[in-house]
Amino acid sequence: MSTVELHWFKSSYSDSSNGNDCIEVAPTPTTIHIRDSKHADGARLAVAPATWTAFVTYASRNA
């Protein structure tokens, strides 16, 4: 899948004083794509949905 076809969004929990200081995600059935909102054309990370779920669970418990 081309990154042009991805639908990127920011978390509704993003509450930084600077609205651009967050990550954006673009989920697909087999991969969760992650990028820095300040550098949309920069490096990206792609993980399996189970890995993303584990990360979000960990982050929500340790925030």
N, C-alpha and C. Protein backbone atom coordinates (compact mmCIF):
# COMPACT_ATOMS: atom_id res chain seq x y z
N MET A 1 0.85 -1.18 0.00
CA MET A 1 0.00 0.00 0.00
C MET A 1 0.88 1.23 0.00
N SER A 2 0.62 2.16 -0.87
CA SER A 2 1.35 3.42 -0.95
C SER A 2 0.96 4.30 0.23
N THR A 3 1.93 5.05 0.76
CA THR A 3 1.62 5.95 1.88
C THR A 3 0.65 7.05 1.46
N VAL A 4 0.54 7.33 0.17
CA VAL A 4 -0.42 8.32 -0.32
C VAL A 4 -1.85 7.86 -0.03
N GLU A 5 -2.07 6.57 -0.01
CA GLU A 5 -3.40 6.00 0.22
C GLU A 5 -3.77 5.92 1.69
N LEU A 6 -2.84 6.20 2.58
CA LEU A 6 -3.10 6.08 4.01
C LEU A 6 -3.93 7.26 4.53
N HIS A 7 -4.78 6.99 5.49
CA HIS A 7 -5.58 8.03 6.14
C HIS A 7 -4.96 8.29 7.51
N TRP A 8 -4.24 9.40 7.63
CA TRP A 8 -3.53 9.74 8.87
C TRP A 8 -4.45 10.53 9.80
N PHE A 9 -4.32 10.27 11.10
CA PHE A 9 -5.06 11.07 12.08
C PHE A 9 -4.28 11.18 13.37
N LYS A 10 -4.59 12.23 14.13
CA LYS A 10 -3.99 12.46 15.45
C LYS A 10 -4.96 11.96 16.51
N SER A 11 -4.42 11.58 17.63
CA SER A 11 -5.24 11.13 18.74
C SER A 11 -6.10 12.27 19.28
N SER A 12 -7.31 11.96 19.66
CA SER A 12 -8.17 12.96 20.29
C SER A 12 -7.66 13.30 21.69
N TYR A 13 -6.73 12.51 22.22
CA TYR A 13 -6.15 12.77 23.53
C TYR A 13 -4.90 13.63 23.43
N SER A 14 -4.53 14.05 22.25
CA SER A 14 -3.35 14.88 22.05
C SER A 14 -3.62 16.24 22.68
N ASP A 15 -2.91 16.56 23.77
CA ASP A 15 -3.21 17.80 24.49
C ASP A 15 -1.98 18.67 24.70
N SER A 16 -0.98 18.55 23.88
CA SER A 16 0.20 19.38 23.98
C SER A 16 -0.17 20.84 23.78
N SER A 17 0.60 21.75 24.38
CA SER A 17 0.35 23.17 24.16
C SER A 17 0.60 23.55 22.70
N ASN A 18 1.38 22.73 22.00
CA ASN A 18 1.61 22.92 20.57
C ASN A 18 0.92 21.77 19.86
N GLY A 19 -0.13 22.06 19.13
CA GLY A 19 -0.93 21.04 18.47
C GLY A 19 -0.17 20.16 17.50
N ASN A 20 1.04 20.58 17.11
CA ASN A 20 1.84 19.77 16.18
C ASN A 20 2.78 18.81 16.89
N ASP A 21 2.83 18.83 18.23
CA ASP A 21 3.72 17.94 18.97
C ASP A 21 3.03 16.63 19.31
N CYS A 22 2.83 15.83 18.30
CA CYS A 22 2.22 14.54 18.55
C CYS A 22 2.53 13.60 17.39
N ILE A 23 2.07 12.41 17.52
CA ILE A 23 2.23 11.46 16.43
C ILE A 23 0.92 11.34 15.68
N GLU A 24 1.01 10.84 14.48
CA GLU A 24 -0.16 10.52 13.69
C GLU A 24 -0.09 9.05 13.35
N VAL A 25 -1.24 8.41 13.26
CA VAL A 25 -1.29 7.00 12.90
C VAL A 25 -2.20 6.81 11.70
N ALA A 26 -1.90 5.77 10.95
CA ALA A 26 -2.73 5.39 9.80
C ALA A 26 -2.88 3.87 9.85
N PRO A 27 -3.99 3.39 10.37
CA PRO A 27 -4.17 1.95 10.48
C PRO A 27 -4.62 1.32 9.16
N THR A 28 -4.13 0.13 8.92
CA THR A 28 -4.60 -0.72 7.83
C THR A 28 -4.90 -2.07 8.47
N PRO A 29 -5.51 -2.98 7.78
CA PRO A 29 -5.83 -4.27 8.40
C PRO A 29 -4.60 -5.04 8.92
N THR A 30 -3.45 -4.85 8.31
CA THR A 30 -2.28 -5.64 8.69
C THR A 30 -1.15 -4.84 9.31
N THR A 31 -1.24 -3.50 9.29
CA THR A 31 -0.14 -2.66 9.77
C THR A 31 -0.66 -1.36 10.34
N ILE A 32 -0.01 -0.89 11.41
CA ILE A 32 -0.28 0.43 11.94
C ILE A 32 0.92 1.29 11.56
N HIS A 33 0.69 2.34 10.79
CA HIS A 33 1.75 3.24 10.36
C HIS A 33 1.79 4.42 11.32
N ILE A 34 3.00 4.85 11.70
CA ILE A 34 3.17 5.90 12.70
C ILE A 34 4.16 6.93 12.16
N ARG A 35 3.86 8.22 12.34
CA ARG A 35 4.79 9.27 11.93
C ARG A 35 4.71 10.45 12.89
N ASP A 36 5.72 11.29 12.85
CA ASP A 36 5.77 12.52 13.63
C ASP A 36 4.99 13.58 12.88
N SER A 37 4.03 14.21 13.52
CA SER A 37 3.19 15.19 12.83
C SER A 37 3.99 16.40 12.35
N LYS A 38 5.11 16.70 13.00
CA LYS A 38 5.93 17.84 12.58
C LYS A 38 6.75 17.52 11.33
N HIS A 39 6.96 16.25 11.04
CA HIS A 39 7.78 15.81 9.91
C HIS A 39 7.03 14.75 9.11
N ALA A 40 5.91 15.14 8.55
CA ALA A 40 5.03 14.19 7.86
C ALA A 40 5.72 13.47 6.71
N ASP A 41 6.72 14.09 6.11
CA ASP A 41 7.44 13.44 5.02
C ASP A 41 8.70 12.71 5.50
N GLY A 42 8.92 12.71 6.81
CA GLY A 42 10.12 12.10 7.37
C GLY A 42 9.96 10.60 7.60
N ALA A 43 10.79 10.10 8.49
CA ALA A 43 10.80 8.67 8.80
C ALA A 43 9.45 8.23 9.36
N ARG A 44 9.11 6.99 9.06
CA ARG A 44 7.86 6.40 9.54
C ARG A 44 8.15 5.03 10.14
N LEU A 45 7.29 4.64 11.01
CA LEU A 45 7.39 3.34 11.66
C LEU A 45 6.14 2.55 11.31
N ALA A 46 6.29 1.27 11.10
CA ALA A 46 5.14 0.40 10.82
C ALA A 46 5.23 -0.81 11.75
N VAL A 47 4.14 -1.08 12.44
CA VAL A 47 4.10 -2.21 13.39
C VAL A 47 2.83 -3.02 13.17
N ALA A 48 2.86 -4.23 13.66
CA ALA A 48 1.68 -5.10 13.60
C ALA A 48 0.61 -4.55 14.56
N PRO A 49 -0.66 -4.76 14.24
CA PRO A 49 -1.72 -4.28 15.13
C PRO A 49 -1.57 -4.76 16.58
N ALA A 50 -1.14 -5.99 16.79
CA ALA A 50 -0.97 -6.49 18.16
C ALA A 50 0.13 -5.73 18.90
N THR A 51 1.17 -5.35 18.20
CA THR A 51 2.25 -4.57 18.80
C THR A 51 1.75 -3.19 19.19
N TRP A 52 0.97 -2.55 18.32
CA TRP A 52 0.41 -1.24 18.61
C TRP A 52 -0.53 -1.32 19.82
N THR A 53 -1.35 -2.34 19.86
CA THR A 53 -2.27 -2.51 20.99
C THR A 53 -1.50 -2.66 22.30
N ALA A 54 -0.43 -3.45 22.28
CA ALA A 54 0.39 -3.63 23.48
C ALA A 54 1.03 -2.31 23.90
N PHE A 55 1.51 -1.53 22.94
CA PHE A 55 2.11 -0.23 23.26
C PHE A 55 1.08 0.71 23.87
N VAL A 56 -0.08 0.83 23.26
CA VAL A 56 -1.11 1.75 23.76
C VAL A 56 -1.55 1.33 25.16
N THR A 57 -1.70 0.04 25.38
CA THR A 57 -2.05 -0.45 26.71
C THR A 57 -0.99 -0.08 27.74
N TYR A 58 0.28 -0.32 27.39
CA TYR A 58 1.38 0.04 28.29
C TYR A 58 1.41 1.53 28.56
N ALA A 59 1.32 2.34 27.50
CA ALA A 59 1.39 3.79 27.65
C ALA A 59 0.24 4.33 28.51
N SER A 60 -0.94 3.78 28.34
CA SER A 60 -2.09 4.27 29.11
C SER A 60 -1.95 3.93 30.59
N ARG A 61 -1.26 2.87 30.90
CA ARG A 61 -1.07 2.47 32.31
C ARG A 61 0.11 3.19 32.96
N ASN A 62 1.01 3.74 32.16
CA ASN A 62 2.23 4.33 32.69
C ASN A 62 2.38 5.81 32.35
N ALA A 63 1.28 6.44 32.06
CA ALA A 63 1.33 7.88 31.70
C ALA A 63 1.34 8.74 32.92
